[in-house]
Protein backbone atom coordinates (compact mmCIF):
# COMPACT_ATOMS: atom_id res chain seq x y z
CA MET A 1 -6.45 34.19 -1.85
CA GLN A 2 -8.37 32.58 1.15
CA THR A 3 -6.24 32.09 4.33
CA ALA A 4 -6.99 28.95 4.63
CA THR A 5 -6.00 27.87 0.78
CA VAL A 6 -2.57 29.10 1.97
CA LEU A 7 -2.34 27.54 5.05
CA ALA A 8 -3.59 24.20 3.32
CA ALA A 9 -0.58 24.72 0.74
CA VAL A 10 1.96 25.74 3.31
CA LEU A 11 0.89 22.66 5.41
CA ILE A 12 1.48 20.58 1.92
CA VAL A 13 4.83 21.78 1.20
CA VAL A 14 6.13 21.36 4.51
CA GLY A 15 5.09 17.88 4.46
CA THR A 16 6.32 17.47 0.85
CA LEU A 17 9.47 18.75 2.71
CA GLY A 18 9.15 16.56 5.93
CA VAL A 19 9.44 13.36 3.59
CA LEU A 20 13.46 14.46 3.99
CA ILE A 21 13.14 15.84 7.63
CA PRO A 22 13.02 12.86 9.67
CA VAL A 23 11.16 14.92 12.55
CA LEU A 24 7.78 15.74 10.41
CA PRO A 25 5.13 13.36 9.16
CA GLY A 26 5.53 14.54 5.88
CA THR A 27 2.40 12.77 4.49
CA LEU A 28 0.17 13.14 7.04
CA LEU A 29 0.70 17.18 7.04
CA CYS A 30 0.03 16.91 3.15
CA VAL A 31 -3.20 15.06 3.99
CA ALA A 32 -3.88 17.73 6.85
CA GLY A 33 -3.32 20.40 4.43
CA VAL A 34 -5.60 18.53 1.70
CA LEU A 35 -8.19 18.41 4.50
CA LEU A 36 -7.97 21.65 5.62
CA TRP A 37 -8.94 23.04 2.03
CA SER A 38 -11.26 20.58 1.49
CA ALA A 39 -13.69 21.47 4.57
CA THR A 40 -12.92 25.39 3.72
CA THR A 41 -14.03 24.77 0.34
CA CYS A 42 -16.73 22.31 0.70
CA GLY A 43 -18.43 20.74 -2.27
CA ALA A 44 -18.25 17.60 -4.21
CA THR A 45 -14.73 18.32 -5.72
CA ALA A 46 -12.61 19.21 -2.61
CA TRP A 47 -14.14 16.20 -0.91
CA SER A 48 -13.21 13.54 -3.79
CA ILE A 49 -9.82 15.36 -3.88
CA PHE A 50 -9.57 14.83 -0.10
CA GLY A 51 -10.65 11.39 -0.26
CA GLY A 52 -8.01 10.77 -3.16
CA SER A 53 -5.51 12.11 -1.23
CA VAL A 54 -6.46 9.44 1.67
CA VAL A 55 -6.56 6.81 -0.75
CA LEU A 56 -2.75 7.87 -2.01
CA ALA A 57 -1.60 7.79 1.20
CA LEU A 58 -2.72 4.62 2.36
CA VAL A 59 -1.17 2.93 -0.89
CA GLY A 60 2.16 5.08 -0.17
CA TRP A 61 2.26 4.15 3.55
CA THR A 62 1.56 0.37 2.90
CA CYS A 63 4.00 0.24 -0.11
CA LYS A 64 6.44 1.90 1.83
CA TYR A 65 6.36 -0.38 4.49
CA LEU A 66 6.09 -3.36 2.47
CA LEU A 67 8.22 -2.85 -0.58
CA PRO A 68 11.62 -2.59 0.93
CA GLY A 69 11.08 -4.91 3.98
CA ARG A 70 10.55 -7.42 0.71
CA ARG A 71 14.12 -6.14 -0.71
CA LEU A 72 15.83 -7.11 2.56
CA SER A 73 14.73 -10.06 2.91
CA SER A 74 15.34 -11.05 -0.47
CA ALA A 75 18.79 -9.65 0.00
CA GLY A 76 18.92 -11.93 2.89
CA VAL A 77 19.01 -9.25 5.86
CA PRO A 78 17.16 -10.71 8.69
CA ARG A 79 14.52 -8.72 10.46
CA ALA A 80 16.63 -8.54 13.67
CA THR A 81 19.22 -6.94 11.72
CA THR A 82 16.87 -4.16 10.36
CA LEU A 83 15.69 -3.34 14.12
CA VAL A 84 19.02 -3.20 15.49
CA GLY A 85 19.48 -0.36 12.47
CA THR A 86 16.37 1.05 13.56
CA VAL A 87 17.02 1.75 17.16
CA CYS A 88 20.63 2.72 16.30
CA ALA A 89 19.18 5.24 13.93
CA ILE A 90 17.02 6.72 16.55
CA VAL A 91 19.64 6.67 19.18
CA GLY A 92 21.91 8.53 16.38
CA PHE A 93 18.80 10.95 15.75
CA PHE A 94 19.33 12.19 19.59
CA VAL A 95 23.07 12.26 20.00
CA ILE A 96 23.58 13.58 15.83
CA PRO A 97 20.40 15.73 15.12
CA TYR A 98 19.15 14.52 11.27
CA VAL A 99 22.47 13.26 10.16
CA GLY A 100 22.95 10.70 13.32
CA LEU A 101 19.79 8.99 12.24
CA ALA A 102 21.00 7.78 8.70
CA LEU A 103 24.59 7.43 10.32
CA GLY A 104 23.15 5.53 13.22
CA PHE A 105 21.10 2.96 11.06
CA VAL A 106 23.68 1.91 8.74
CA ILE A 107 26.32 1.50 11.97
CA GLY A 108 23.79 -0.50 13.80
CA VAL A 109 23.04 -2.41 10.41
CA TYR A 110 26.74 -2.88 9.72
CA VAL A 111 27.58 -4.00 13.48
CA ALA A 112 24.51 -6.39 13.63
CA GLU A 113 25.18 -8.21 10.32
CA HIS A 114 29.41 -8.24 10.79
CA ALA A 115 28.57 -9.88 14.39
CA ARG A 116 26.13 -12.29 12.69
CA LEU A 117 28.09 -13.59 9.77
CA ARG A 118 31.58 -12.84 11.13
CA ASP A 119 32.26 -11.68 7.30
CA ALA A 120 33.00 -7.73 6.67
CA VAL A 121 32.79 -8.09 2.70
CA ALA A 122 29.28 -9.98 3.41
CA ALA A 123 28.23 -7.12 5.77
CA ARG A 124 29.01 -4.28 3.95
CA ARG A 125 26.67 -5.95 1.39
CA ALA A 126 24.18 -6.45 3.79
CA THR A 127 24.42 -2.86 4.75
CA ALA A 128 24.15 -1.94 1.09
CA ALA A 129 21.24 -3.60 0.85
CA ALA A 130 19.49 -2.13 3.91
CA VAL A 131 20.66 1.62 2.81
CA ARG A 132 19.04 1.14 -0.22
CA ALA A 133 15.99 -0.17 0.95
CA VAL A 134 15.42 2.95 3.15
CA LEU A 135 16.40 5.11 0.07
CA MET A 136 13.25 3.17 -1.79
CA SER A 137 11.06 3.65 1.39
CA VAL A 138 11.53 7.85 1.35
CA GLY A 139 11.24 7.64 -2.61
CA ILE A 140 8.07 6.16 -2.13
CA GLU A 141 6.93 8.32 0.76
CA LEU A 142 8.28 11.56 -1.30
CA SER A 143 6.55 10.41 -4.53
CA THR A 144 3.17 10.10 -2.55
CA ALA A 145 3.44 13.77 -1.37
CA THR A 146 4.18 14.93 -4.32
CA ALA A 147 1.50 12.82 -5.91
CA ILE A 148 -1.05 14.68 -2.87
CA ALA A 149 0.12 18.01 -3.89
CA VAL A 150 -0.61 17.50 -7.41
CA LEU A 151 -4.02 16.18 -6.83
CA TRP A 152 -4.75 19.20 -4.61
CA VAL A 153 -3.53 21.61 -7.40
CA CYS A 154 -6.01 19.72 -9.57
CA GLY A 155 -8.49 20.13 -7.16
CA LEU A 156 -7.45 23.63 -6.69
CA LEU A 157 -8.05 24.47 -10.28
CA LEU A 158 -11.13 22.72 -10.58
CA THR A 159 -12.86 24.65 -7.84
CA ARG A 160 -12.11 28.18 -8.99
């Protein structure tokens, strides 16, 4: 097996796992793996697979940022609350690595909504909506990375 193909596989696997590990740019690593494979394999099929992976990544990134935001808006969670949650997530990531990212986001959204609404039940509802939106975002990115991996495997089989 070619060294570049093995390295591409490693990038794709790490990229797919990277969706769940906040430090790694998951989908981008998957696309980079396909690019490496396409550049070393050459041929129309390999470059078509790369083009398809770029399209999948662009669609995934677009959906990842648009759909959860719409869900939050429909739940009545303002963008300012999401911004506070994001800032708290970043701070939480450095205070408590990995776990702090999610914990910081949840606490940030809850505190912002509680301060805005002055109602603990409504703040919990808004926080639950924000958590569902984040899970949707992760699910979209994980689906995108998996689709890129499957597309790459198909390309691998087609070029053999």
